[in-house]
Every structure is written in structure tokens, then in C-alpha cells.
Amino acid sequence: MPISYTQELSCKMFGKTFVFRNYEKELFEQRGYANPNHCTLCRKTTQELREKEIERIENEKWQEKKSEDKKAFNVRLNGCRVVAKDYIHFSNDHVLYVIGNGFDLMHGVRSSYYAFRDTLGKNSVLLHALENFLTLEDIWADFEEALAHFDTNAMSNGFIVDNWLDMVGAYDKDAGVSEFFQATEAAANPILTVANELPPRFRMWVETLSIGTDDRPLRDILRKDGQILCFYYTEFVETLYGFPEDNICYIHGCRRKKKYFPKERLILGHILHLSVQK
């Protein structure tokens, strides 16, 4: 059956004539729309430009937030009390050194939790769970502490869950039933999302960390015959200052890969009193 055309319209963008078919007219009328001022190609182009502009604005906000977080971190860092080397004295050779992520940061390692956040990407489901369901204002400033503070009340918020489903594409016309239920489960239980996705993703990031300087600022303080309690996951105190592995306790595990041995479990997060908002 030949297609019946109702009328020809002029595209306002380029002035070209385009046909407006019967079924298109019926669809526009059903939705309460006036006749289009632009052809299909121009409407599609306009929509793509609009989406790119939205993405650009979101990226600007993302970069601005990263910059603000970095400034806040530097303010806290500059506020830390620094003890001059001249004031550090040891009465004997039995010394216990307690080190953590600050040791790595001092040696140019990009090991702040802000750096970990940046590897997740702004559309990450894991990032969404962490930043929307952990209750501390700036979770990346004290990430290990923040992991103990989940807002269970927010988990049942229909608006947040709906936004999550939309973000992961569960409402897309090409999404299948399995994708929808997987997304629903993730949205309904962010604790499982964090528990299942954070450990492997965190370890992957830790294993990429490298030393960023040739300086040894602690060479006059650290004695190789001392003992070390290390709260971070890297073995840089060994490679930088020659400490034997037997003298070090990696209390949260070490990222080191040993041939014929399974990887150590990395323990992430600590808290004295668990806090769950209901």
C-alpha cells in the first residue's frame, strides 16, 4: 500500500522541505505535540548536541568537585603537626615504627583515597553506592572510617533507587529481564555492591601504585634493626630503606605477589563503634 503524505513542512534549521507522514501526525497528536519545526535528522542532531552539553556540564561539576576535595585535603595536610628530626631521639636500639599511608604519600605515591575514587569513573555503580549510602560528609578524607557508616534509610528511598536504575541503563529498551533484576538487586542492597565489588577493585588499584621520588627523607630516622607496624598495603618501606620482611607486620595485609603463594587478603576499613542510620 502506498504511503499517504499529509503535508510538506519546512525545516527551520536549514530551510529544506521534509514530508510529515500520516502515522507521524497521529503520533504527535496523541502526545499533544504541535507539528515539528525541524526534520528528523535535525531533531536527532539537536538531541545529540543537547546530550553532549549535559555531559559537558556533568564533567565540569565532577572536575570541580575533585578540585575542591583536593584543596580540602591539602588544608588538612598542612594543618598536621610536623616534628623536626632534631627532636627525635632513641634511648636504645629496640624501636617500633608505626607507619601508614602517610609514609607512601611522603614518598610521592599517589595513594590517597581521592586518587582511588578518580579511577572508578563518575558513572560507576560502586562509586554511586559509596557516595550515596555512606553517611560521612567527605568519605574520601577518611575512607576506612566511612565504610562503617551506612545509611540504611536511604536504601529504601524510592527516588534514589529509581535514579540508580536509570543510571545503569535498566530502563533502556534494549535491556533484558536479567539486566533489570541485577540492577534492581544492586540498587536495593548497596551493602552487597560494596562488599562484592570494592575488595577486587581496591586491590587492582593498590597493585598499580608506584614510588614517585628518589628521595629518602627518613634515612636518618629509620633503623634497619627496628620493628615496623605497617597499616598500609605496600612494601615500599622494604624497597626504599632495605628493611627485611621479617621485621615488618603488615597488619592489614600486603599487596606483594609471591610465587607459589596465594595473595594476601587486604583488610579495608576499621571502626571502634559501628554506626548504622535507620
Protein backbone atom coordinates (compact mmCIF):
# COMPACT_ATOMS: atom_id res chain seq x y z
CA MET A 1 0.00 0.00 0.00
CA PRO A 2 1.49 3.37 -0.96
CA ILE A 3 2.29 5.78 1.86
CA SER A 4 -0.10 8.71 2.13
CA TYR A 5 1.56 12.04 2.89
CA THR A 6 -0.43 14.66 4.71
CA GLN A 7 1.74 17.70 4.07
CA GLU A 8 5.17 19.07 3.40
CA LEU A 9 6.88 21.16 6.08
CA SER A 10 9.89 23.45 6.01
CA CYS A 11 12.81 22.76 8.37
CA LYS A 12 13.66 25.94 10.26
CA MET A 13 17.29 24.94 10.68
CA PHE A 14 18.22 24.68 7.00
CA GLY A 15 15.02 25.72 5.21
CA LYS A 16 14.70 22.40 3.41
CA THR A 17 11.33 20.76 2.83
CA PHE A 18 10.54 17.46 4.53
CA VAL A 19 7.46 15.23 4.47
CA PHE A 20 5.27 14.76 7.52
CA ARG A 21 3.61 11.35 7.22
CA ASN A 22 0.20 10.29 8.49
CA TYR A 23 1.49 7.99 11.21
CA GLU A 24 3.84 10.72 12.44
CA LYS A 25 0.99 13.23 12.57
CA GLU A 26 -1.16 10.76 14.54
CA LEU A 27 1.68 10.13 16.98
CA PHE A 28 2.26 13.86 17.52
CA GLU A 29 -1.47 14.43 18.07
CA GLN A 30 -1.69 11.58 20.59
CA ARG A 31 1.10 13.17 22.60
CA GLY A 32 -0.35 16.65 22.30
CA TYR A 33 2.55 17.98 20.22
CA ALA A 34 2.36 20.66 17.56
CA ASN A 35 3.72 19.95 14.09
CA PRO A 36 7.53 19.74 14.10
CA ASN A 37 9.61 22.72 13.02
CA HIS A 38 12.63 20.58 12.18
CA CYS A 39 13.18 17.47 10.13
CA THR A 40 14.03 14.13 11.74
CA LEU A 41 17.75 14.50 11.05
CA CYS A 42 17.88 17.96 12.61
CA ARG A 43 15.88 16.81 15.64
CA LYS A 44 18.30 13.94 16.12
CA THR A 45 21.30 16.25 15.73
CA THR A 46 19.81 18.72 18.22
CA GLN A 47 19.20 15.92 20.73
CA GLU A 48 22.78 14.69 20.37
CA LEU A 49 24.11 18.21 20.92
CA ARG A 50 21.89 18.60 23.98
CA GLU A 51 23.15 15.30 25.42
CA LYS A 52 26.77 16.32 24.81
CA GLU A 53 26.14 19.63 26.56
CA ILE A 54 24.62 17.84 29.55
CA GLU A 55 27.63 15.52 29.66
CA ARG A 56 29.99 18.51 29.45
CA ILE A 57 28.25 20.21 32.37
CA GLU A 58 28.36 17.00 34.42
CA ASN A 59 32.07 16.59 33.68
CA GLU A 60 32.74 20.18 34.75
CA LYS A 61 30.90 19.58 38.02
CA TRP A 62 32.88 16.34 38.51
CA GLN A 63 36.21 18.09 37.92
CA GLU A 64 35.18 20.97 40.18
CA LYS A 65 34.31 18.55 42.98
CA LYS A 66 37.66 16.79 42.56
CA SER A 67 39.44 20.14 42.77
CA GLU A 68 37.54 21.17 45.91
CA ASP A 69 38.28 17.83 47.57
CA LYS A 70 41.97 18.17 46.74
CA LYS A 71 42.08 21.67 48.26
CA ALA A 72 40.32 20.45 51.42
CA PHE A 73 42.77 17.56 51.71
CA ASN A 74 45.77 19.88 51.38
CA VAL A 75 44.34 22.18 54.06
CA ARG A 76 44.07 19.25 56.46
CA LEU A 77 47.54 18.04 55.47
CA ASN A 78 49.10 21.45 56.08
CA GLY A 79 47.43 21.55 59.47
CA CYS A 80 49.25 18.43 60.66
CA ARG A 81 51.91 18.93 63.30
CA VAL A 82 55.40 18.28 61.97
CA VAL A 83 58.16 17.18 64.34
CA ALA A 84 61.71 18.18 63.39
CA LYS A 85 64.28 15.39 63.14
CA ASP A 86 66.42 17.05 65.83
CA TYR A 87 63.71 16.33 68.39
CA ILE A 88 63.63 12.60 67.67
CA HIS A 89 65.92 10.60 69.96
CA PHE A 90 66.12 6.88 70.64
CA SER A 91 67.25 5.63 74.03
CA ASN A 92 68.09 2.15 72.69
CA ASP A 93 68.07 0.04 69.55
CA HIS A 94 64.66 -1.53 70.26
CA VAL A 95 62.45 0.77 68.23
CA LEU A 96 58.94 0.15 66.93
CA TYR A 97 57.96 2.30 63.95
CA VAL A 98 54.27 2.72 63.17
CA ILE A 99 53.64 3.81 59.58
CA GLY A 100 50.66 4.06 57.26
CA ASN A 101 49.51 5.74 54.08
CA GLY A 102 51.29 8.94 55.09
CA PHE A 103 54.59 7.13 54.52
CA ASP A 104 53.63 6.40 50.92
CA LEU A 105 52.34 9.92 50.32
CA MET A 106 55.63 11.32 51.65
CA HIS A 107 57.46 9.30 49.01
CA GLY A 108 55.40 10.52 46.06
CA VAL A 109 52.99 7.59 45.87
CA ARG A 110 49.54 8.63 44.58
CA SER A 111 47.87 6.57 47.28
CA SER A 112 45.25 8.96 48.65
CA TYR A 113 41.70 7.66 48.58
CA TYR A 114 40.76 10.59 46.37
CA ALA A 115 43.07 9.05 43.76
CA PHE A 116 41.27 5.72 44.17
CA ARG A 117 37.93 7.47 43.70
CA ASP A 118 39.13 9.02 40.45
CA THR A 119 39.83 5.56 38.99
CA LEU A 120 36.20 4.49 39.45
CA GLY A 121 34.69 6.94 36.96
CA LYS A 122 31.72 9.20 37.61
CA ASN A 123 29.14 6.66 36.35
CA SER A 124 30.41 3.74 38.43
CA VAL A 125 27.73 1.80 40.33
CA LEU A 126 30.27 1.22 43.11
CA LEU A 127 31.01 4.95 43.34
CA HIS A 128 27.28 5.69 43.45
CA ALA A 129 26.81 3.24 46.33
CA LEU A 130 29.72 4.66 48.30
CA GLU A 131 28.87 8.34 47.89
CA ASN A 132 25.10 7.98 48.39
CA PHE A 133 24.88 5.45 51.21
CA LEU A 134 27.87 6.26 53.42
CA THR A 135 26.90 8.99 55.86
CA LEU A 136 30.15 10.89 56.43
CA GLU A 137 30.24 14.21 54.60
CA ASP A 138 33.58 13.56 52.87
CA ILE A 139 34.05 9.81 52.74
CA TRP A 140 37.37 10.02 50.88
CA ALA A 141 39.06 12.06 53.61
CA ASP A 142 38.80 9.07 55.97
CA PHE A 143 37.62 6.26 53.73
CA GLU A 144 38.34 3.39 56.11
CA GLU A 145 36.29 5.07 58.83
CA ALA A 146 33.49 5.93 56.39
CA LEU A 147 32.96 2.29 55.40
CA ALA A 148 31.39 1.61 58.80
CA HIS A 149 28.68 4.25 58.41
CA PHE A 150 25.89 3.09 56.10
CA ASP A 151 22.60 4.96 55.80
CA THR A 152 20.03 2.16 55.62
CA ASN A 153 17.19 4.69 55.49
CA ALA A 154 18.44 5.96 52.13
CA MET A 155 18.47 2.42 50.74
CA SER A 156 14.65 2.34 50.84
CA ASN A 157 14.27 5.76 49.24
CA GLY A 158 12.36 5.12 46.01
CA PHE A 159 13.70 8.22 44.28
CA ILE A 160 17.33 7.17 44.83
CA VAL A 161 16.65 3.60 43.72
CA ASP A 162 14.86 4.85 40.59
CA ASN A 163 17.78 7.13 39.74
CA TRP A 164 20.16 4.23 40.16
CA LEU A 165 18.19 2.01 37.80
CA ASP A 166 18.13 4.79 35.23
CA MET A 167 21.87 5.42 35.62
CA VAL A 168 22.85 1.80 34.95
CA GLY A 169 20.55 1.60 31.93
CA ALA A 170 17.99 -0.81 33.36
CA TYR A 171 15.20 1.19 31.70
CA ASP A 172 16.79 1.12 28.26
CA LYS A 173 14.66 -0.51 25.59
CA ASP A 174 17.49 -2.94 24.81
CA ALA A 175 17.90 -4.05 28.43
CA GLY A 176 16.74 -7.57 29.16
CA VAL A 177 14.96 -9.01 32.18
CA SER A 178 18.19 -10.28 33.74
CA GLU A 179 19.82 -6.83 33.50
CA PHE A 180 16.80 -5.23 35.15
CA PHE A 181 16.77 -7.65 38.09
CA GLN A 182 20.54 -7.41 38.52
CA ALA A 183 20.28 -3.63 38.63
CA THR A 184 17.29 -3.82 41.00
CA GLU A 185 19.22 -6.06 43.37
CA ALA A 186 22.22 -3.72 43.30
CA ALA A 187 20.02 -0.68 43.88
CA ALA A 188 18.12 -2.32 46.71
CA ASN A 189 21.21 -3.54 48.52
CA PRO A 190 24.23 -1.25 48.11
CA ILE A 191 25.93 -3.05 51.01
CA LEU A 192 26.25 -6.11 48.77
CA THR A 193 27.51 -3.93 45.92
CA VAL A 194 30.24 -2.52 48.14
CA ALA A 195 31.07 -5.90 49.71
CA ASN A 196 31.35 -7.68 46.36
CA GLU A 197 32.89 -5.01 44.14
CA LEU A 198 35.07 -2.89 46.42
CA PRO A 199 37.70 -5.50 47.50
CA PRO A 200 38.77 -6.62 44.00
CA ARG A 201 38.59 -3.09 42.60
CA PHE A 202 40.59 -1.70 45.52
CA ARG A 203 43.25 -4.40 45.23
CA MET A 204 43.57 -3.79 41.50
CA TRP A 205 44.28 -0.13 42.25
CA VAL A 206 46.73 -0.83 45.10
CA GLU A 207 48.73 -3.13 42.84
CA THR A 208 49.28 -0.26 40.38
CA LEU A 209 50.84 2.09 42.97
CA SER A 210 54.46 3.06 42.44
CA ILE A 211 57.09 5.25 44.14
CA GLY A 212 57.20 8.79 42.79
CA THR A 213 60.52 10.09 44.14
CA ASP A 214 64.19 9.16 44.60
CA ASP A 215 64.38 10.97 47.95
CA ARG A 216 64.81 9.10 51.23
CA PRO A 217 63.66 11.70 53.78
CA LEU A 218 63.57 9.18 56.66
CA ARG A 219 67.02 7.63 56.16
CA ASP A 220 68.35 9.31 59.33
CA ILE A 221 65.41 8.11 61.42
CA LEU A 222 64.62 4.55 60.35
CA ARG A 223 66.97 1.89 61.72
CA LYS A 224 67.05 -1.40 59.87
CA ASP A 225 67.20 -3.35 63.13
CA GLY A 226 63.91 -1.81 64.27
CA GLN A 227 60.45 -3.33 64.00
CA ILE A 228 57.69 -1.86 61.85
CA LEU A 229 53.93 -1.97 62.26
CA CYS A 230 52.53 -1.01 58.86
CA PHE A 231 48.88 -0.08 58.42
CA TYR A 232 49.07 0.28 54.65
CA TYR A 233 49.31 -2.32 51.90
CA THR A 234 52.54 -1.58 50.04
CA GLU A 235 56.04 -2.93 50.66
CA PHE A 236 57.79 0.37 49.88
CA VAL A 237 59.49 0.59 53.28
CA GLU A 238 61.41 -2.53 52.25
CA THR A 239 62.37 -1.32 48.78
CA LEU A 240 63.20 2.23 49.88
CA TYR A 241 65.04 1.61 53.14
CA GLY A 242 66.10 -2.03 52.97
CA PHE A 243 64.03 -3.31 55.88
CA PRO A 244 63.79 -7.11 55.99
CA GLU A 245 60.30 -8.51 55.55
CA ASP A 246 60.58 -10.44 58.82
CA ASN A 247 60.84 -7.14 60.72
CA ILE A 248 57.53 -5.85 59.39
CA CYS A 249 53.96 -6.64 60.39
CA TYR A 250 51.51 -5.67 57.66
CA ILE A 251 48.50 -5.63 59.93
CA HIS A 252 46.00 -5.05 57.09
CA GLY A 253 47.78 -7.32 54.62
CA CYS A 254 50.34 -6.64 51.90
CA ARG A 255 49.79 -6.42 48.16
CA ARG A 256 53.02 -8.36 47.49
CA LYS A 257 52.80 -11.17 44.96
CA LYS A 258 54.71 -14.29 45.96
CA LYS A 259 55.31 -17.09 43.53
CA TYR A 260 53.51 -20.31 44.52
CA PHE A 261 51.65 -18.48 47.31
CA PRO A 262 48.10 -17.10 47.24
CA LYS A 263 47.65 -13.36 47.52
CA GLU A 264 47.20 -11.96 51.00
CA ARG A 265 43.77 -10.66 51.83
CA LEU A 266 43.72 -6.87 52.13
CA ILE A 267 41.63 -5.69 55.07
CA LEU A 268 39.94 -2.41 54.24
CA GLY A 269 38.09 -0.36 56.84
CA HIS A 270 38.17 -0.07 60.61
CA ILE A 271 35.90 1.37 63.28
CA LEU A 272 35.55 1.34 67.05
CA HIS A 273 31.77 1.71 67.11
CA LEU A 274 29.60 0.66 64.18
CA SER A 275 27.06 3.29 63.12
CA VAL A 276 24.02 2.42 61.01
CA GLN A 277 21.35 5.07 60.45
CA LYS A 278 17.80 3.78 60.30
